[in-house]
N, C-alpha and C. Protein backbone atom coordinates (compact mmCIF):
# COMPACT_ATOMS: atom_id res chain seq x y z
N MET A 1 -69.57 89.45 184.46
CA MET A 1 -70.90 90.28 185.36
C MET A 1 -70.40 91.38 185.73
N ALA A 2 -70.83 92.53 185.77
CA ALA A 2 -70.80 93.46 186.74
C ALA A 2 -70.60 93.23 187.70
N LYS A 3 -69.92 94.28 188.71
CA LYS A 3 -69.55 94.44 189.88
C LYS A 3 -70.41 95.65 190.74
N ARG A 4 -70.59 95.41 192.11
CA ARG A 4 -71.73 96.69 192.75
C ARG A 4 -71.02 98.10 192.25
N GLN A 5 -69.88 98.31 192.23
CA GLN A 5 -69.10 99.67 191.71
C GLN A 5 -69.86 99.93 190.59
N ASP A 6 -69.94 99.33 189.43
CA ASP A 6 -70.51 99.27 188.13
C ASP A 6 -71.84 99.97 188.56
N LEU A 7 -72.67 99.18 189.22
CA LEU A 7 -73.97 99.30 189.39
C LEU A 7 -74.35 100.82 189.81
N VAL A 8 -73.42 101.23 190.93
CA VAL A 8 -73.67 102.07 191.75
C VAL A 8 -73.29 103.42 190.86
N LYS A 9 -72.29 103.14 190.04
CA LYS A 9 -71.55 104.25 189.26
C LYS A 9 -73.07 104.55 188.02
N ALA A 10 -73.57 103.64 187.32
CA ALA A 10 -74.68 103.52 186.48
C ALA A 10 -75.63 104.28 187.18
N TRP A 11 -76.00 103.88 188.45
CA TRP A 11 -77.44 104.84 188.94
C TRP A 11 -76.79 106.38 189.13
N THR A 12 -75.79 106.40 189.80
CA THR A 12 -75.25 107.86 190.22
C THR A 12 -75.31 108.58 188.97
N ASP A 13 -75.06 108.11 187.94
CA ASP A 13 -74.74 109.02 186.68
C ASP A 13 -76.27 109.16 186.07
N TRP A 14 -77.16 108.26 186.23
CA TRP A 14 -78.54 108.78 185.86
C TRP A 14 -79.44 109.32 186.93
N LEU A 15 -79.10 109.26 187.86
CA LEU A 15 -80.12 110.03 189.19
C LEU A 15 -79.18 111.34 189.45
N GLY A 16 -77.89 111.21 189.40
CA GLY A 16 -77.20 112.35 189.93
C GLY A 16 -76.65 111.77 191.33
N ASP A 17 -75.44 112.57 191.70
CA ASP A 17 -74.75 112.03 193.19
C ASP A 17 -75.66 112.53 194.39
N ASP A 18 -76.34 113.72 194.26
CA ASP A 18 -77.57 114.32 195.25
C ASP A 18 -78.62 113.57 194.98
N TRP A 19 -78.94 112.72 194.39
CA TRP A 19 -80.42 112.02 194.43
C TRP A 19 -80.09 110.32 194.34
N PHE A 20 -78.98 109.74 194.80
CA PHE A 20 -78.61 108.37 194.91
C PHE A 20 -77.91 108.13 196.04
N ALA A 21 -77.95 107.27 196.98
CA ALA A 21 -77.27 107.09 198.26
C ALA A 21 -77.28 105.82 198.56
N TYR A 22 -76.31 105.50 199.45
CA TYR A 22 -75.94 103.98 199.87
C TYR A 22 -76.78 103.94 201.52
N ALA A 23 -77.66 103.60 201.46
CA ALA A 23 -78.50 103.39 202.85
C ALA A 23 -77.40 103.07 204.13
N GLY A 24 -77.27 104.23 205.02
CA GLY A 24 -76.39 104.02 206.16
C GLY A 24 -75.02 104.72 206.11
N TYR A 25 -74.73 104.92 204.86
CA TYR A 25 -73.69 105.48 204.48
C TYR A 25 -73.83 107.24 204.24
N ARG A 26 -75.05 107.48 203.84
CA ARG A 26 -75.72 108.72 203.57
C ARG A 26 -76.97 108.83 203.70
N GLU A 27 -77.74 109.93 204.35
CA GLU A 27 -79.04 109.64 204.58
C GLU A 27 -79.65 109.93 203.08
N ARG A 28 -80.80 109.27 203.22
CA ARG A 28 -81.45 109.64 201.85
C ARG A 28 -82.07 110.77 201.46
N PRO A 29 -81.99 111.13 200.28
CA PRO A 29 -82.28 112.44 199.80
C PRO A 29 -83.73 112.75 200.29
N ASN A 30 -84.00 114.02 200.46
CA ASN A 30 -85.13 114.76 201.04
C ASN A 30 -85.63 115.37 199.85
N HIS A 31 -85.66 114.96 198.63
CA HIS A 31 -86.38 115.33 197.32
C HIS A 31 -86.90 114.07 196.47
N LEU A 32 -87.70 114.31 195.93
CA LEU A 32 -87.93 113.46 194.56
C LEU A 32 -87.62 113.48 193.13
N PRO A 33 -87.48 112.75 192.35
CA PRO A 33 -87.09 111.20 193.01
C PRO A 33 -86.02 110.83 193.36
N TYR A 34 -85.71 109.88 194.15
CA TYR A 34 -84.61 109.70 194.58
C TYR A 34 -84.38 107.75 194.77
N GLY A 35 -83.28 107.49 194.54
CA GLY A 35 -82.52 106.39 194.63
C GLY A 35 -81.72 105.80 196.15
N LEU A 36 -81.88 104.86 196.23
CA LEU A 36 -80.96 104.09 197.15
C LEU A 36 -80.91 102.65 197.16
N TYR A 37 -79.66 102.19 198.10
CA TYR A 37 -79.30 100.77 197.80
C TYR A 37 -78.81 100.36 199.23
N ILE A 38 -79.18 99.03 199.52
CA ILE A 38 -78.52 98.75 201.00
C ILE A 38 -78.49 97.41 200.62
N GLU A 39 -77.27 96.53 201.19
CA GLU A 39 -76.75 94.96 201.01
C GLU A 39 -77.67 94.37 201.98
N ILE A 40 -78.25 93.38 201.46
CA ILE A 40 -78.61 92.09 202.23
C ILE A 40 -77.76 91.30 202.47
N PRO A 41 -77.18 91.02 203.83
CA PRO A 41 -76.48 89.97 204.26
C PRO A 41 -76.57 88.78 204.11
N ARG A 42 -75.77 87.90 203.38
CA ARG A 42 -75.99 86.27 203.46
C ARG A 42 -74.68 85.35 203.74
N PRO A 43 -74.45 84.20 204.11
CA PRO A 43 -73.19 83.93 204.26
C PRO A 43 -72.76 83.31 202.80
N PRO A 44 -71.30 83.44 202.92
CA PRO A 44 -70.94 82.79 201.76
C PRO A 44 -70.87 81.46 201.21
N ILE A 45 -70.53 81.26 200.03
CA ILE A 45 -70.94 79.91 199.42
C ILE A 45 -69.66 79.21 199.52
N MET A 46 -69.78 78.36 200.45
CA MET A 46 -68.26 77.41 200.84
C MET A 46 -68.45 75.97 200.42
N ALA A 47 -67.16 75.67 200.19
CA ALA A 47 -67.12 74.06 199.43
C ALA A 47 -65.44 73.79 200.22
N ASP A 48 -65.52 72.70 200.81
CA ASP A 48 -63.94 72.17 201.17
C ASP A 48 -63.43 73.29 202.13
N ASP A 49 -64.15 74.12 203.03
CA ASP A 49 -63.43 75.33 203.93
C ASP A 49 -63.14 76.24 203.12
N ILE A 50 -63.53 76.32 201.60
CA ILE A 50 -62.95 77.60 201.04
C ILE A 50 -64.18 78.01 200.45
N GLN A 51 -63.85 79.63 200.29
CA GLN A 51 -64.89 80.45 199.55
C GLN A 51 -64.68 80.13 198.06
N TRP A 52 -65.67 79.68 197.22
CA TRP A 52 -65.32 79.68 195.74
C TRP A 52 -65.86 80.91 195.20
N VAL A 53 -66.86 81.30 195.49
CA VAL A 53 -67.78 82.56 195.06
C VAL A 53 -68.04 83.49 196.11
N LYS A 54 -68.31 84.61 195.69
CA LYS A 54 -68.94 85.58 196.60
C LYS A 54 -69.71 86.33 195.78
N ILE A 55 -71.14 85.93 196.20
CA ILE A 55 -72.19 86.65 195.78
C ILE A 55 -72.90 87.53 196.30
N ARG A 56 -72.90 88.49 196.39
CA ARG A 56 -73.61 89.72 197.20
C ARG A 56 -75.02 90.29 196.41
N ARG A 57 -76.14 90.22 197.22
CA ARG A 57 -77.55 90.41 197.14
C ARG A 57 -77.61 92.06 197.83
N PHE A 58 -78.31 92.89 196.66
CA PHE A 58 -78.67 94.35 197.06
C PHE A 58 -80.00 94.57 197.04
N VAL A 59 -80.70 95.43 197.45
CA VAL A 59 -81.98 96.02 197.04
C VAL A 59 -81.46 97.26 196.72
N PHE A 60 -82.17 97.50 195.44
CA PHE A 60 -82.13 98.98 194.80
C PHE A 60 -83.63 99.48 194.82
N ARG A 61 -83.75 101.00 195.12
CA ARG A 61 -84.99 101.63 195.71
C ARG A 61 -85.26 102.54 194.76
N LEU A 62 -86.10 102.88 193.97
CA LEU A 62 -86.33 104.09 193.69
C LEU A 62 -88.05 104.68 193.96
N VAL A 63 -87.71 105.71 194.41
CA VAL A 63 -89.00 106.45 195.32
C VAL A 63 -89.31 107.65 194.10
N THR A 64 -90.55 107.56 193.80
CA THR A 64 -91.07 109.14 192.94
C THR A 64 -92.33 109.27 193.48
N ALA A 65 -92.83 110.41 192.89
CA ALA A 65 -94.11 111.03 193.55
C ALA A 65 -95.18 110.22 193.26
N GLU A 66 -95.33 109.63 192.24
CA GLU A 66 -96.31 108.42 191.68
C GLU A 66 -95.80 107.63 190.85
N LYS A 67 -96.35 106.49 190.34
CA LYS A 67 -95.70 105.45 189.79
C LYS A 67 -95.26 106.13 188.31
N ASP A 68 -94.01 105.63 188.05
CA ASP A 68 -93.37 106.31 186.71
C ASP A 68 -92.41 105.29 185.97
N TRP A 69 -93.39 104.97 184.98
CA TRP A 69 -93.21 103.57 184.15
C TRP A 69 -91.79 103.78 183.55
N GLU A 70 -91.41 105.12 183.03
CA GLU A 70 -90.46 105.52 182.27
C GLU A 70 -89.04 105.23 183.23
N MET A 71 -89.15 105.62 184.33
CA MET A 71 -87.74 105.50 185.39
C MET A 71 -87.59 104.10 185.86
N GLU A 72 -88.92 103.34 185.93
CA GLU A 72 -88.74 102.06 186.18
C GLU A 72 -87.86 101.15 184.89
N GLU A 73 -88.38 101.55 183.64
CA GLU A 73 -87.77 101.02 182.69
C GLU A 73 -86.59 101.27 182.19
N LYS A 74 -86.28 102.76 182.68
CA LYS A 74 -84.69 102.94 182.92
C LYS A 74 -83.72 102.06 183.86
N ALA A 75 -84.38 101.91 185.00
CA ALA A 75 -83.50 101.37 186.04
C ALA A 75 -83.65 99.58 185.51
N GLU A 76 -84.40 99.20 185.22
CA GLU A 76 -84.23 97.66 184.38
C GLU A 76 -83.25 98.03 183.37
N SER A 77 -83.35 98.82 182.61
CA SER A 77 -82.30 98.88 181.26
C SER A 77 -80.96 98.71 181.86
N ILE A 78 -80.55 99.64 182.52
CA ILE A 78 -79.20 99.79 183.42
C ILE A 78 -78.86 98.19 183.83
N PHE A 79 -79.74 97.51 184.92
CA PHE A 79 -79.49 95.94 185.34
C PHE A 79 -79.43 95.19 184.20
N ASP A 80 -80.36 95.45 183.16
CA ASP A 80 -79.75 94.60 181.74
C ASP A 80 -78.31 95.08 181.14
N ALA A 81 -77.98 96.09 180.69
CA ALA A 81 -76.88 96.53 180.28
C ALA A 81 -75.73 95.97 181.34
N LEU A 82 -75.75 95.90 182.03
CA LEU A 82 -74.83 95.22 183.23
C LEU A 82 -74.71 93.79 183.26
N GLU A 83 -75.83 93.06 182.58
CA GLU A 83 -76.05 91.74 182.70
C GLU A 83 -76.10 91.36 184.04
N LEU A 84 -77.00 91.95 184.90
CA LEU A 84 -77.00 91.49 186.37
C LEU A 84 -78.52 90.89 186.39
N PRO A 85 -78.61 89.64 187.06
CA PRO A 85 -79.66 89.14 187.42
C PRO A 85 -80.52 90.23 188.44
N TYR A 86 -81.84 90.57 188.14
CA TYR A 86 -82.69 91.40 188.90
C TYR A 86 -84.25 90.68 189.36
N CYS A 87 -84.55 91.06 190.16
CA CYS A 87 -86.08 90.75 190.32
C CYS A 87 -87.04 91.95 191.27
N LYS A 88 -87.91 91.99 190.68
CA LYS A 88 -88.70 93.21 191.19
C LYS A 88 -89.37 92.60 192.65
N VAL A 89 -89.17 93.35 193.77
CA VAL A 89 -89.65 92.75 194.88
C VAL A 89 -90.83 93.75 195.45
N THR A 90 -91.02 94.68 195.09
CA THR A 90 -91.82 95.80 195.88
C THR A 90 -92.20 96.69 194.73
N ASP A 91 -93.65 97.22 194.57
CA ASP A 91 -93.82 97.98 193.65
C ASP A 91 -95.54 98.59 194.06
N GLU A 92 -95.41 99.63 194.98
CA GLU A 92 -96.32 100.06 195.98
C GLU A 92 -96.28 101.29 196.51
N PRO A 93 -97.40 102.10 196.56
CA PRO A 93 -97.37 103.35 197.40
C PRO A 93 -96.87 103.35 198.67
N VAL A 94 -96.12 104.08 199.05
CA VAL A 94 -95.81 104.42 200.53
C VAL A 94 -96.90 104.81 201.47
N SER A 95 -97.09 103.90 202.30
CA SER A 95 -98.51 104.38 202.63
C SER A 95 -98.47 105.51 203.83
N ASP A 96 -97.23 106.05 204.66
CA ASP A 96 -97.14 106.88 205.24
C ASP A 96 -96.58 108.00 204.48
N GLU A 97 -96.40 108.11 203.42
CA GLU A 97 -96.08 109.13 202.42
C GLU A 97 -96.85 109.30 201.32
N LYS A 98 -96.69 110.37 200.59
CA LYS A 98 -97.73 110.06 199.13
C LYS A 98 -96.75 110.00 198.13
N ASP A 99 -95.73 108.70 198.30
CA ASP A 99 -94.53 108.32 197.38
C ASP A 99 -95.03 107.06 196.90
N HIS A 100 -94.28 106.64 195.56
CA HIS A 100 -94.53 105.54 195.13
C HIS A 100 -92.85 104.78 195.55
N MET A 101 -93.03 103.09 195.41
CA MET A 101 -91.67 102.96 196.06
C MET A 101 -91.65 101.58 194.74
N VAL A 102 -90.34 101.46 194.31
CA VAL A 102 -90.28 99.96 193.56
C VAL A 102 -88.92 99.60 193.93
N GLU A 103 -88.66 98.29 194.22
CA GLU A 103 -87.52 97.97 194.82
C GLU A 103 -87.05 96.75 194.21
N TRP A 104 -85.84 96.51 193.74
CA TRP A 104 -85.47 95.34 193.06
C TRP A 104 -84.11 94.87 193.92
N GLU A 105 -84.20 93.68 194.13
CA GLU A 105 -83.25 92.65 194.70
C GLU A 105 -82.27 92.57 193.50
N VAL A 106 -81.18 92.66 193.51
CA VAL A 106 -80.00 92.52 192.31
C VAL A 106 -78.80 91.51 192.86
N GLU A 107 -78.26 90.51 192.21
CA GLU A 107 -77.33 90.05 192.76
C GLU A 107 -76.10 90.26 191.70
N VAL A 108 -74.53 90.51 192.35
CA VAL A 108 -73.47 90.86 191.82
C VAL A 108 -72.35 89.84 192.49
N ILE A 109 -71.47 89.41 191.76
CA ILE A 109 -70.49 88.64 191.94
C ILE A 109 -69.12 89.34 192.42
N GLY A 110 -68.89 89.01 193.66
CA GLY A 110 -67.36 89.87 194.19
C GLY A 110 -67.99 91.17 194.85
């Protein structure tokens, strides 16, 4: 299974360094389309006081001027190519802006 770095590199290669950011590390780009991601904190999976596996969950967000089926398919093809489980959790217009946002939850090991 791919790691977070593999997924970040794939999205950065796709969207470009100025079009993709880690929320909290760099401000979101001020142009469209753009992507960003943020980690969803969760407790480690433990047994017998040992952390056996570290599964990290992230939200990857794609913001476009309007719904863009091709970009969404490309994002999902990246998850598929890296064999990462994902689930689309948001697919809606941004109410205070005239943009469209799609978010996926993605799990990686390590």
